[in-house]
Protein backbone atom coordinates (compact mmCIF):
# COMPACT_ATOMS: atom_id res chain seq x y z
CA MET A 1 155.17 119.94 126.04
CA LYS A 2 153.78 116.42 126.30
CA LYS A 3 150.46 117.83 127.51
CA SER A 4 150.20 120.24 124.56
CA VAL A 5 150.99 117.47 122.01
CA LEU A 6 148.42 115.19 123.63
CA PHE A 7 145.92 118.05 123.58
CA LEU A 8 146.51 118.54 119.81
CA PHE A 9 145.99 114.82 119.13
CA VAL A 10 142.65 115.02 120.93
CA LEU A 11 141.64 118.39 119.45
CA ILE A 12 142.44 117.76 115.75
CA PRO A 13 140.06 114.77 115.26
CA PHE A 14 137.36 116.73 117.08
CA ILE A 15 137.76 119.71 114.72
CA TYR A 16 137.69 117.54 111.58
CA SER A 17 134.64 115.59 112.70
CA GLY A 18 132.70 118.81 113.29
CA CYS A 19 133.47 120.36 109.91
CA GLY A 20 131.23 118.14 107.81
CA LYS A 21 131.15 119.42 104.27
CA GLY A 22 131.58 123.08 105.06
CA ILE A 23 129.17 125.34 103.22
CA GLU A 24 128.00 122.66 100.78
CA PRO A 25 124.22 122.92 100.27
CA GLU A 26 121.86 120.43 101.90
CA PRO A 27 120.74 117.64 99.57
CA GLU A 28 117.41 118.32 97.85
CA LYS A 29 114.41 116.66 99.47
CA ILE A 30 112.55 114.34 97.14
CA ARG A 31 109.06 115.61 96.35
CA GLU A 32 107.25 112.56 95.14
CA GLY A 33 103.51 112.69 94.56
CA PHE A 34 100.92 115.02 93.12
CA GLY A 35 98.61 117.87 93.96
CA GLY A 36 96.05 120.26 92.61
CA ASN A 37 92.76 121.90 93.51
CA ILE A 38 89.52 120.38 94.68
CA ILE A 39 86.58 122.64 93.81
CA PHE A 40 83.25 122.05 95.54
CA SER A 41 79.99 123.44 94.16
CA GLY A 42 76.42 123.07 95.34
CA GLU A 43 75.18 122.53 98.87
CA TRP A 44 77.16 120.13 101.04
CA PRO A 45 74.93 117.21 102.13
CA ASP A 46 73.91 117.45 105.80
CA SER A 47 74.54 113.72 106.25
CA VAL A 48 78.30 113.93 105.51
CA THR A 49 80.49 113.00 108.48
CA ARG A 50 83.87 112.91 106.70
CA THR A 51 85.39 113.81 103.33
CA HIS A 52 88.78 112.60 102.05
CA ILE A 53 90.82 112.47 98.89
CA VAL A 54 91.39 108.79 98.14
CA VAL A 55 93.87 107.21 95.73
CA PHE A 56 93.60 103.63 94.48
CA LYS A 57 96.27 101.69 92.62
CA ASP A 58 93.87 99.69 90.47
CA PRO A 59 90.53 100.75 88.95
CA LEU A 60 87.36 100.22 90.97
CA LEU A 61 85.65 97.72 88.68
CA ALA A 62 83.98 95.64 91.43
CA ALA A 63 83.00 96.20 95.06
CA SER A 64 85.91 93.95 96.06
CA ASP A 65 88.40 96.48 94.54
CA PHE A 66 87.50 98.88 97.37
CA ASN A 67 89.96 97.39 99.88
CA ALA A 68 92.98 98.30 101.99
CA PHE A 69 95.43 96.53 99.64
CA ASN A 70 94.30 98.63 96.68
CA LEU A 71 94.11 101.86 98.67
CA ALA A 72 97.36 103.83 98.26
CA PHE A 73 96.56 107.13 100.00
CA VAL A 74 93.82 108.77 102.07
CA GLY A 75 94.24 112.46 102.83
CA LEU A 76 93.17 114.04 106.09
CA ASN A 77 89.54 115.06 106.55
CA ILE A 78 88.41 117.95 104.34
CA PRO A 79 86.32 120.36 106.44
CA LYS A 80 82.61 120.46 105.66
CA GLY A 81 81.69 123.57 103.70
CA THR A 82 85.05 123.90 101.93
CA VAL A 83 84.72 125.64 98.54
CA ILE A 84 88.28 125.33 97.16
CA LEU A 85 91.06 123.23 98.62
CA ASN A 86 94.63 123.21 97.35
CA TYR A 87 95.83 119.71 98.20
CA SER A 88 99.03 117.73 97.93
CA THR A 89 99.88 114.12 98.64
CA LEU A 90 102.95 115.53 100.39
CA ASP A 91 100.61 116.74 103.12
CA SER A 92 99.79 114.50 106.04
CA ALA A 93 97.87 111.36 105.27
CA LEU A 94 95.28 109.46 107.24
CA TYR A 95 96.35 106.25 105.48
CA PRO A 96 98.96 104.89 105.15
CA VAL A 97 99.95 106.28 108.53
CA ASN A 98 103.05 108.52 108.57
CA THR A 99 103.97 107.83 104.96
CA LYS A 100 103.72 109.69 101.70
CA LEU A 101 102.49 108.49 98.35
CA GLN A 102 105.11 106.33 96.64
CA ALA A 103 106.16 106.34 92.99
CA GLY A 104 103.74 104.25 90.96
CA THR A 105 100.68 104.22 88.74
CA TYR A 106 97.32 105.17 90.20
CA SER A 107 94.06 104.37 88.45
CA TYR A 108 91.39 106.05 90.55
CA ILE A 109 91.72 109.39 92.34
CA ALA A 110 88.59 110.76 93.95
CA VAL A 111 87.01 112.72 96.74
CA ALA A 112 84.95 110.28 98.80
CA GLN A 113 82.49 111.04 101.56
CA GLN A 114 81.03 108.97 104.35
CA SER A 115 77.80 109.45 106.30
CA THR A 116 78.31 106.86 109.04
CA LEU A 117 79.65 107.76 112.47
CA ASN A 118 82.44 105.16 112.49
CA LEU A 119 85.21 105.14 109.90
CA THR A 120 84.93 101.96 107.82
CA LEU A 121 86.26 100.40 104.64
CA ASN A 122 82.84 99.10 103.63
CA ARG A 123 82.18 100.27 100.07
CA SER A 124 78.48 100.79 100.86
CA ASP A 125 79.39 103.39 103.54
CA TRP A 126 81.13 105.67 101.03
CA PHE A 127 79.97 107.74 98.07
CA VAL A 128 82.12 109.57 95.56
CA ALA A 129 81.68 113.34 95.32
CA GLY A 130 84.30 113.98 92.62
CA VAL A 131 86.77 112.13 90.40
CA PHE A 132 89.98 113.09 88.62
CA TYR A 133 89.20 112.50 84.96
CA VAL A 134 91.30 112.11 81.85
CA PRO A 135 91.87 115.74 80.75
CA GLY A 136 89.15 116.68 78.29
CA ASP A 137 86.98 113.60 79.00
CA SER A 138 84.74 113.58 82.06
CA THR A 139 83.65 109.98 81.47
CA ILE A 140 86.94 108.15 82.09
CA PRO A 141 88.71 108.28 85.49
CA GLY A 142 92.23 109.58 84.96
CA MET A 143 95.22 107.35 85.51
CA ILE A 144 98.50 108.95 86.53
CA THR A 145 102.04 107.68 86.89
CA VAL A 146 104.32 109.27 89.46
CA ARG A 147 107.98 108.53 88.81
CA LYS A 148 110.61 108.47 91.52
CA GLY A 149 111.43 112.02 92.59
CA GLU A 150 108.57 113.48 90.50
CA PHE A 151 105.74 115.76 91.62
CA LEU A 152 102.76 116.27 89.31
CA ASP A 153 100.70 119.47 89.49
CA ASN A 154 97.18 120.23 88.26
CA ILE A 155 95.57 116.96 89.29
CA ASP A 156 92.30 118.83 89.84
CA ILE A 157 88.99 117.39 91.00
CA ARG A 158 85.54 118.98 90.74
CA CYS A 159 82.86 117.99 93.22
CA ASP A 160 79.39 119.11 92.12
CA PHE A 161 76.87 118.06 94.76
CA ASN A 162 74.03 118.80 92.30
CA ASN A 163 75.53 116.50 89.66
CA PRO A 164 77.60 113.75 91.35
CA PRO A 165 79.80 111.45 89.26
CA PRO A 166 78.92 107.82 88.52
CA GLN A 167 79.55 105.72 91.61
CA PRO A 168 81.99 102.80 91.59
CA PRO A 169 80.44 99.32 91.85
CA GLY A 170 79.21 98.13 95.22
CA GLU A 171 77.09 101.03 96.37
C-alpha cells in the first residue's frame, strides 16, 4: 500500500505537468512588416553583381544618410533576370542578421543594385533600380509606418531598367 501511495504522489504531478492547456490553440504568431511585388522590366544590366530590397528609416537626403545606422532591412539577393518577385520582410534578411523588420516608420524603400565584386556600404557602389513611391505620385518616395503586430500588403516596386528612378545623393 505504501508503494502505491508513493507511486501516486510521483505520478500525479507528472500527469498535470504534461497536460499544458489541453486543446487550447497555439498563440498567433506576430506578422510584423510588409510585402508586395517587385516588377522588373527592360534588360538587366550585365554589370550587376547583386540586387536587394533595402529599407531605410530616414530619407536619403545626403550621401551620409546611406549608412548602417539608417539601414533597417536588406533582403536576400534577388536573382539576376527575375521578372516578378513577390517579397516580404518576413522572409530571411541579409541585414540585420537573423532578425525581422521591427515596427516603425520607414522613409525610403527601394531595390538597389551593386556592380562591385565585394559587398560594401559605400553609396557610390550602389545604384537604385526601383523605389516605392507615394501611391499615385511617382516623384515622392513613399513613407510607411508599420505598427506592432501589423503587416502591410501591396508595397509594390517597379524597376524599369530603361527608365531608372532618380538616384539618391552621393552617386
